[in-house]
Amino acid sequence: MADSPPQTDTERVSSLDEERLQAQRKLLIRQRVRLMVNQYEVHAEGPGGDEGELLAFAQQKRLAFKEQVTLYSDDSKTRPILGFKARKRIDLASAYDITDAHGQPIGVFRKDFKKSLLASTWHLEQPGLGVTTGSERNKFVALLRRVWQFIPYVENLPFAWPYHFDFYAGDQVVFSVEKKFGFRDRYIVEISDPRLDRRLVIAQAVGLDALQSR
């Protein structure tokens, strides 16, 4: 049997990045709003709960097709690590295929449109693990978010109150996404099930922010 070709430096770095990413139990996600773009930074948790190492970065033009997002290993945007894309452009219940650094499918997430009329609900599928379902924890906040756009003088302001999603497999919470209070979007992602592919968790968490109004 022929020996496998040796790994390139890029492949070795990617393998180390993958191992480091999959070891994370808590992720900190921050959206930065620039003049013409939105940026997402995914950090490991540092000492004292502060933002640590940058694990993933995405940049998106404001008027771009938001149903397609690529995340890179850092803000140089030279090495993609994952992405997601809607199967259909104009479909509120469309599935979003999640792909790895090479464009190969690794999972799917989709919004449950009917259930989301009252509280936003999403389904995340990981091969070999099945479907996890997440919905807004606080139903009052879910309702307030829906009427926010109809309140005079504040409808154009960002929704500042925190909202949280708990994702279940059966009756067990496997991960949660908590939005912190403030006009700048910041999220804490807690991962309870070590079997979860962190790339899928990151895609779903970024999708909650980028696609929430859809």
C-alpha atoms as a PDB file:
ATOM      1  CA  MET A   1       0.000   0.000   0.000  1.00  0.00           C
ATOM      2  CA  ALA A   2       1.388   3.378  -0.978  1.00  0.00           C
ATOM      3  CA  ASP A   3       2.141   5.873   1.763  1.00  0.00           C
ATOM      4  CA  SER A   4      -0.101   8.925   2.025  1.00  0.00           C
ATOM      5  CA  PRO A   5       1.503  12.153   0.783  1.00  0.00           C
ATOM      6  CA  PRO A   6       2.883  14.348   3.580  1.00  0.00           C
ATOM      7  CA  GLN A   7       0.700  17.181   4.798  1.00  0.00           C
ATOM      8  CA  THR A   8       1.464  20.665   3.584  1.00  0.00           C
ATOM      9  CA  ASP A   9       2.070  23.486   6.071  1.00  0.00           C
ATOM     10  CA  THR A  10      -1.417  24.828   5.339  1.00  0.00           C
ATOM     11  CA  GLU A  11      -3.004  21.430   5.995  1.00  0.00           C
ATOM     12  CA  ARG A  12      -1.091  21.057   9.271  1.00  0.00           C
ATOM     13  CA  VAL A  13      -2.216  24.517  10.430  1.00  0.00           C
ATOM     14  CA  SER A  14      -5.813  23.765   9.409  1.00  0.00           C
ATOM     15  CA  SER A  15      -5.706  20.486  11.344  1.00  0.00           C
ATOM     16  CA  LEU A  16      -4.444  22.246  14.468  1.00  0.00           C
ATOM     17  CA  ASP A  17      -7.082  24.982  14.065  1.00  0.00           C
ATOM     18  CA  GLU A  18      -9.771  22.304  13.769  1.00  0.00           C
ATOM     19  CA  GLU A  19      -8.630  20.536  16.951  1.00  0.00           C
ATOM     20  CA  ARG A  20      -8.510  23.811  18.873  1.00  0.00           C
ATOM     21  CA  LEU A  21     -11.952  24.816  17.630  1.00  0.00           C
ATOM     22  CA  GLN A  22     -13.588  21.494  18.502  1.00  0.00           C
ATOM     23  CA  ALA A  23     -12.189  21.692  22.056  1.00  0.00           C
ATOM     24  CA  GLN A  24     -14.138  24.873  22.863  1.00  0.00           C
ATOM     25  CA  ARG A  25     -17.001  24.721  25.382  1.00  0.00           C
ATOM     26  CA  LYS A  26     -17.853  28.426  25.270  1.00  0.00           C
ATOM     27  CA  LEU A  27     -17.714  30.857  22.345  1.00  0.00           C
ATOM     28  CA  LEU A  28     -18.077  34.644  22.360  1.00  0.00           C
ATOM     29  CA  ILE A  29     -19.547  36.200  19.212  1.00  0.00           C
ATOM     30  CA  ARG A  30     -19.556  39.906  18.470  1.00  0.00           C
ATOM     31  CA  GLN A  31     -21.130  41.751  15.567  1.00  0.00           C
ATOM     32  CA  ARG A  32     -19.301  44.899  14.516  1.00  0.00           C
ATOM     33  CA  VAL A  33     -21.251  47.354  12.358  1.00  0.00           C
ATOM     34  CA  ARG A  34     -19.059  49.318   9.929  1.00  0.00           C
ATOM     35  CA  LEU A  35     -20.031  51.960   7.376  1.00  0.00           C
ATOM     36  CA  MET A  36     -20.717  49.554   4.517  1.00  0.00           C
ATOM     37  CA  VAL A  37     -20.311  46.109   6.074  1.00  0.00           C
ATOM     38  CA  ASN A  38     -21.308  43.920   9.000  1.00  0.00           C
ATOM     39  CA  GLN A  39     -18.576  41.875  10.639  1.00  0.00           C
ATOM     40  CA  TYR A  40     -18.792  38.856  12.917  1.00  0.00           C
ATOM     41  CA  GLU A  41     -15.967  37.819  15.207  1.00  0.00           C
ATOM     42  CA  VAL A  42     -16.004  34.443  16.974  1.00  0.00           C
ATOM     43  CA  HIS A  43     -13.655  34.247  19.962  1.00  0.00           C
ATOM     44  CA  ALA A  44     -12.659  31.578  22.420  1.00  0.00           C
ATOM     45  CA  GLU A  45     -13.285  32.456  26.047  1.00  0.00           C
ATOM     46  CA  GLY A  46     -10.229  34.103  27.583  1.00  0.00           C
ATOM     47  CA  PRO A  47      -9.183  34.520  31.215  1.00  0.00           C
ATOM     48  CA  GLY A  48     -11.929  36.014  33.344  1.00  0.00           C
ATOM     49  CA  GLY A  49     -14.549  35.395  30.668  1.00  0.00           C
ATOM     50  CA  ASP A  50     -13.177  38.050  28.302  1.00  0.00           C
ATOM     51  CA  GLU A  51     -12.718  37.580  24.570  1.00  0.00           C
ATOM     52  CA  GLY A  52      -9.750  35.346  23.880  1.00  0.00           C
ATOM     53  CA  GLU A  53      -8.295  33.951  20.676  1.00  0.00           C
ATOM     54  CA  LEU A  54     -10.057  34.835  17.421  1.00  0.00           C
ATOM     55  CA  LEU A  55     -11.408  31.574  15.962  1.00  0.00           C
ATOM     56  CA  ALA A  56     -13.499  32.768  13.026  1.00  0.00           C
ATOM     57  CA  PHE A  57     -14.291  35.972  11.141  1.00  0.00           C
ATOM     58  CA  ALA A  58     -16.949  36.953   8.606  1.00  0.00           C
ATOM     59  CA  GLN A  59     -17.545  40.184   6.702  1.00  0.00           C
ATOM     60  CA  GLN A  60     -20.676  40.952   4.766  1.00  0.00           C
ATOM     61  CA  LYS A  61     -21.711  43.939   2.666  1.00  0.00           C
ATOM     62  CA  ARG A  62     -24.892  45.538   3.991  1.00  0.00           C
ATOM     63  CA  LEU A  63     -26.840  45.083   0.764  1.00  0.00           C
ATOM     64  CA  ALA A  64     -25.323  41.728  -0.134  1.00  0.00           C
ATOM     65  CA  PHE A  65     -27.204  38.462  -0.446  1.00  0.00           C
ATOM     66  CA  LYS A  66     -27.384  37.684   3.274  1.00  0.00           C
ATOM     67  CA  GLU A  67     -28.340  34.057   2.783  1.00  0.00           C
ATOM     68  CA  GLN A  68     -24.716  33.217   1.974  1.00  0.00           C
ATOM     69  CA  VAL A  69     -21.955  33.702   4.545  1.00  0.00           C
ATOM     70  CA  THR A  70     -18.325  32.532   4.599  1.00  0.00           C
ATOM     71  CA  LEU A  71     -16.306  32.438   7.817  1.00  0.00           C
ATOM     72  CA  TYR A  72     -12.522  32.599   7.759  1.00  0.00           C
ATOM     73  CA  SER A  73      -9.842  31.725  10.280  1.00  0.00           C
ATOM     74  CA  ASP A  74      -9.060  35.439  10.851  1.00  0.00           C
ATOM     75  CA  ASP A  75      -9.688  38.921   9.481  1.00  0.00           C
ATOM     76  CA  SER A  76      -7.149  38.501   6.676  1.00  0.00           C
ATOM     77  CA  LYS A  77      -9.847  36.352   4.994  1.00  0.00           C
ATOM     78  CA  THR A  78      -7.248  34.108   3.360  1.00  0.00           C
ATOM     79  CA  ARG A  79      -8.350  30.712   4.740  1.00  0.00           C
ATOM     80  CA  PRO A  80     -12.054  29.779   4.877  1.00  0.00           C
ATOM     81  CA  ILE A  81     -13.111  27.361   7.607  1.00  0.00           C
ATOM     82  CA  LEU A  82     -16.863  27.081   7.007  1.00  0.00           C
ATOM     83  CA  GLY A  83     -19.817  28.677   5.294  1.00  0.00           C
ATOM     84  CA  PHE A  84     -23.563  28.433   4.872  1.00  0.00           C
ATOM     85  CA  LYS A  85     -25.884  29.133   1.975  1.00  0.00           C
ATOM     86  CA  ALA A  86     -29.641  29.039   1.458  1.00  0.00           C
ATOM     87  CA  ARG A  87     -30.976  26.446  -0.945  1.00  0.00           C
ATOM     88  CA  LYS A  88     -33.593  28.951  -2.126  1.00  0.00           C
ATOM     89  CA  ARG A  89     -33.211  32.718  -2.130  1.00  0.00           C
ATOM     90  CA  ILE A  90     -36.853  33.688  -1.595  1.00  0.00           C
ATOM     91  CA  ASP A  91     -38.168  31.181   0.921  1.00  0.00           C
ATOM     92  CA  LEU A  92     -38.722  31.995   4.600  1.00  0.00           C
ATOM     93  CA  ALA A  93     -38.486  28.310   5.498  1.00  0.00           C
ATOM     94  CA  SER A  94     -35.478  27.533   3.291  1.00  0.00           C
ATOM     95  CA  ALA A  95     -32.789  25.187   4.540  1.00  0.00           C
ATOM     96  CA  TYR A  96     -29.212  26.451   4.825  1.00  0.00           C
ATOM     97  CA  ASP A  97     -26.463  24.026   3.866  1.00  0.00           C
ATOM     98  CA  ILE A  98     -23.349  24.291   6.051  1.00  0.00           C
ATOM     99  CA  THR A  99     -20.063  23.433   4.365  1.00  0.00           C
ATOM    100  CA  ASP A 100     -16.488  22.914   5.509  1.00  0.00           C
ATOM    101  CA  ALA A 101     -13.349  24.681   4.292  1.00  0.00           C
ATOM    102  CA  HIS A 102     -13.442  22.666   1.059  1.00  0.00           C
ATOM    103  CA  GLY A 103     -17.112  23.271   0.325  1.00  0.00           C
ATOM    104  CA  GLN A 104     -18.202  19.804   1.438  1.00  0.00           C
ATOM    105  CA  PRO A 105     -21.561  19.563   3.279  1.00  0.00           C
ATOM    106  CA  ILE A 106     -21.329  18.972   7.032  1.00  0.00           C
ATOM    107  CA  GLY A 107     -24.830  19.896   8.226  1.00  0.00           C
ATOM    108  CA  VAL A 108     -28.040  21.852   7.700  1.00  0.00           C
ATOM    109  CA  PHE A 109     -30.080  24.407   9.614  1.00  0.00           C
ATOM    110  CA  ARG A 110     -33.507  25.820   8.850  1.00  0.00           C
ATOM    111  CA  LYS A 111     -36.109  28.100  10.375  1.00  0.00           C
ATOM    112  CA  ASP A 112     -39.462  26.637  11.378  1.00  0.00           C
ATOM    113  CA  PHE A 113     -41.661  29.353   9.889  1.00  0.00           C
ATOM    114  CA  LYS A 114     -44.970  28.307  11.484  1.00  0.00           C
ATOM    115  CA  LYS A 115     -43.598  28.000  15.019  1.00  0.00           C
ATOM    116  CA  SER A 116     -41.614  31.217  14.531  1.00  0.00           C
ATOM    117  CA  LEU A 117     -44.802  33.252  14.274  1.00  0.00           C
ATOM    118  CA  LEU A 118     -44.894  33.200  18.092  1.00  0.00           C
ATOM    119  CA  ALA A 119     -41.283  32.430  19.045  1.00  0.00           C
ATOM    120  CA  SER A 120     -38.412  32.006  16.595  1.00  0.00           C
ATOM    121  CA  THR A 121     -37.588  28.325  16.193  1.00  0.00           C
ATOM    122  CA  TRP A 122     -34.686  26.712  14.334  1.00  0.00           C
ATOM    123  CA  HIS A 123     -33.656  23.133  13.566  1.00  0.00           C
ATOM    124  CA  LEU A 124     -29.989  22.128  13.252  1.00  0.00           C
ATOM    125  CA  GLU A 125     -29.046  18.772  11.725  1.00  0.00           C
ATOM    126  CA  GLN A 126     -25.686  17.072  12.237  1.00  0.00           C
ATOM    127  CA  PRO A 127     -25.028  13.750  10.461  1.00  0.00           C
ATOM    128  CA  GLY A 128     -24.823  10.944  13.007  1.00  0.00           C
ATOM    129  CA  LEU A 129     -26.272  13.081  15.787  1.00  0.00           C
ATOM    130  CA  GLY A 130     -29.720  13.935  14.459  1.00  0.00           C
ATOM    131  CA  VAL A 131     -31.767  17.099  14.807  1.00  0.00           C
ATOM    132  CA  THR A 132     -31.518  19.670  17.592  1.00  0.00           C
ATOM    133  CA  THR A 133     -34.267  22.272  17.941  1.00  0.00           C
ATOM    134  CA  GLY A 134     -33.827  25.742  19.403  1.00  0.00           C
ATOM    135  CA  SER A 135     -36.418  28.372  20.259  1.00  0.00           C
ATOM    136  CA  GLU A 136     -36.538  31.620  22.193  1.00  0.00           C
ATOM    137  CA  ARG A 137     -36.454  30.984  25.917  1.00  0.00           C
ATOM    138  CA  ASN A 138     -38.478  34.035  26.985  1.00  0.00           C
ATOM    139  CA  LYS A 139     -41.837  34.190  25.204  1.00  0.00           C
ATOM    140  CA  PHE A 140     -42.528  37.741  26.425  1.00  0.00           C
ATOM    141  CA  VAL A 141     -39.313  39.023  24.842  1.00  0.00           C
ATOM    142  CA  ALA A 142     -40.206  37.098  21.677  1.00  0.00           C
ATOM    143  CA  LEU A 143     -43.539  38.938  21.542  1.00  0.00           C
ATOM    144  CA  LEU A 144     -41.911  42.291  22.301  1.00  0.00           C
ATOM    145  CA  ARG A 145     -39.471  41.818  19.418  1.00  0.00           C
ATOM    146  CA  ARG A 146     -42.400  41.295  17.076  1.00  0.00           C
ATOM    147  CA  VAL A 147     -44.242  44.485  18.050  1.00  0.00           C
ATOM    148  CA  TRP A 148     -41.054  46.585  18.331  1.00  0.00           C
ATOM    149  CA  GLN A 149     -41.208  47.672  14.690  1.00  0.00           C
ATOM    150  CA  PHE A 150     -44.693  49.088  15.205  1.00  0.00           C
ATOM    151  CA  ILE A 151     -43.870  51.268  18.233  1.00  0.00           C
ATOM    152  CA  PRO A 152     -43.686  54.962  17.216  1.00  0.00           C
ATOM    153  CA  TYR A 153     -40.243  56.655  17.430  1.00  0.00           C
ATOM    154  CA  VAL A 154     -38.374  53.460  18.358  1.00  0.00           C
ATOM    155  CA  GLU A 155     -39.120  51.222  15.380  1.00  0.00           C
ATOM    156  CA  ASN A 156     -35.855  52.251  13.692  1.00  0.00           C
ATOM    157  CA  LEU A 157     -33.717  51.557  16.760  1.00  0.00           C
ATOM    158  CA  PRO A 158     -31.988  48.195  17.225  1.00  0.00           C
ATOM    159  CA  PHE A 159     -33.739  45.834  19.626  1.00  0.00           C
ATOM    160  CA  ALA A 160     -31.536  46.105  22.717  1.00  0.00           C
ATOM    161  CA  TRP A 161     -33.112  43.571  25.087  1.00  0.00           C
ATOM    162  CA  PRO A 162     -31.315  40.244  25.368  1.00  0.00           C
ATOM    163  CA  TYR A 163     -32.922  37.152  23.927  1.00  0.00           C
ATOM    164  CA  HIS A 164     -31.789  33.578  24.401  1.00  0.00           C
ATOM    165  CA  PHE A 165     -32.092  30.360  22.429  1.00  0.00           C
ATOM    166  CA  ASP A 166     -31.867  26.891  23.945  1.00  0.00           C
ATOM    167  CA  PHE A 167     -31.242  24.010  21.536  1.00  0.00           C
ATOM    168  CA  TYR A 168     -32.557  20.620  22.625  1.00  0.00           C
ATOM    169  CA  ALA A 169     -31.934  17.043  21.553  1.00  0.00           C
ATOM    170  CA  GLY A 170     -34.862  15.262  23.161  1.00  0.00           C
ATOM    171  CA  ASP A 171     -35.195  16.764  26.648  1.00  0.00           C
ATOM    172  CA  GLN A 172     -31.534  17.750  27.004  1.00  0.00           C
ATOM    173  CA  VAL A 173     -30.085  21.193  26.218  1.00  0.00           C
ATOM    174  CA  VAL A 174     -27.084  20.618  23.949  1.00  0.00           C
ATOM    175  CA  PHE A 175     -26.149  24.265  23.429  1.00  0.00           C
ATOM    176  CA  SER A 176     -27.501  27.739  24.089  1.00  0.00           C
ATOM    177  CA  VAL A 177     -27.055  31.165  22.526  1.00  0.00           C
ATOM    178  CA  GLU A 178     -27.512  34.175  24.799  1.00  0.00           C
ATOM    179  CA  LYS A 179     -27.635  37.746  23.509  1.00  0.00           C
ATOM    180  CA  LYS A 180     -26.205  40.281  25.932  1.00  0.00           C
ATOM    181  CA  PHE A 181     -28.033  43.511  26.730  1.00  0.00           C
ATOM    182  CA  GLY A 182     -27.054  46.437  24.505  1.00  0.00           C
ATOM    183  CA  PHE A 183     -27.454  47.986  21.070  1.00  0.00           C
ATOM    184  CA  ARG A 184     -24.335  46.187  19.829  1.00  0.00           C
ATOM    185  CA  ASP A 185     -24.971  42.502  19.244  1.00  0.00           C
ATOM    186  CA  ARG A 186     -22.878  40.255  21.499  1.00  0.00           C
ATOM    187  CA  TYR A 187     -23.572  36.595  22.145  1.00  0.00           C
ATOM    188  CA  ILE A 188     -22.348  33.909  24.511  1.00  0.00           C
ATOM    189  CA  VAL A 189     -22.592  30.358  23.175  1.00  0.00           C
ATOM    190  CA  GLU A 190     -22.486  27.549  25.753  1.00  0.00           C
ATOM    191  CA  ILE A 191     -21.924  24.020  24.397  1.00  0.00           C
ATOM    192  CA  SER A 192     -23.070  21.156  26.634  1.00  0.00           C
ATOM    193  CA  ASP A 193     -22.767  18.189  24.271  1.00  0.00           C
ATOM    194  CA  PRO A 194     -19.134  17.459  23.304  1.00  0.00           C
ATOM    195  CA  ARG A 195     -20.296  15.570  20.196  1.00  0.00           C
ATOM    196  CA  LEU A 196     -21.526  18.756  18.539  1.00  0.00           C
ATOM    197  CA  ASP A 197     -19.444  19.986  15.618  1.00  0.00           C
ATOM    198  CA  ARG A 198     -18.447  23.509  16.655  1.00  0.00           C
ATOM    199  CA  ARG A 199     -18.568  24.634  13.036  1.00  0.00           C
ATOM    200  CA  LEU A 200     -22.289  23.868  12.942  1.00  0.00           C
ATOM    201  CA  VAL A 201     -22.829  25.697  16.227  1.00  0.00           C
ATOM    202  CA  ILE A 202     -20.998  28.773  14.893  1.00  0.00           C
ATOM    203  CA  ALA A 203     -22.991  28.722  11.637  1.00  0.00           C
ATOM    204  CA  GLN A 204     -26.286  28.494  13.533  1.00  0.00           C
ATOM    205  CA  ALA A 205     -25.318  31.224  16.020  1.00  0.00           C
ATOM    206  CA  VAL A 206     -24.251  33.654  13.260  1.00  0.00           C
ATOM    207  CA  GLY A 207     -27.384  32.731  11.339  1.00  0.00           C
ATOM    208  CA  LEU A 208     -29.551  33.643  14.331  1.00  0.00           C
ATOM    209  CA  ASP A 209     -28.260  37.206  14.058  1.00  0.00           C
ATOM    210  CA  ALA A 210     -27.891  37.560  10.289  1.00  0.00           C
ATOM    211  CA  LEU A 211     -31.223  35.926   9.429  1.00  0.00           C
ATOM    212  CA  GLN A 212     -33.356  36.565  12.501  1.00  0.00           C
ATOM    213  CA  SER A 213     -35.600  39.134  10.818  1.00  0.00           C
ATOM    214  CA  ARG A 214     -36.412  36.677   8.011  1.00  0.00           C
END
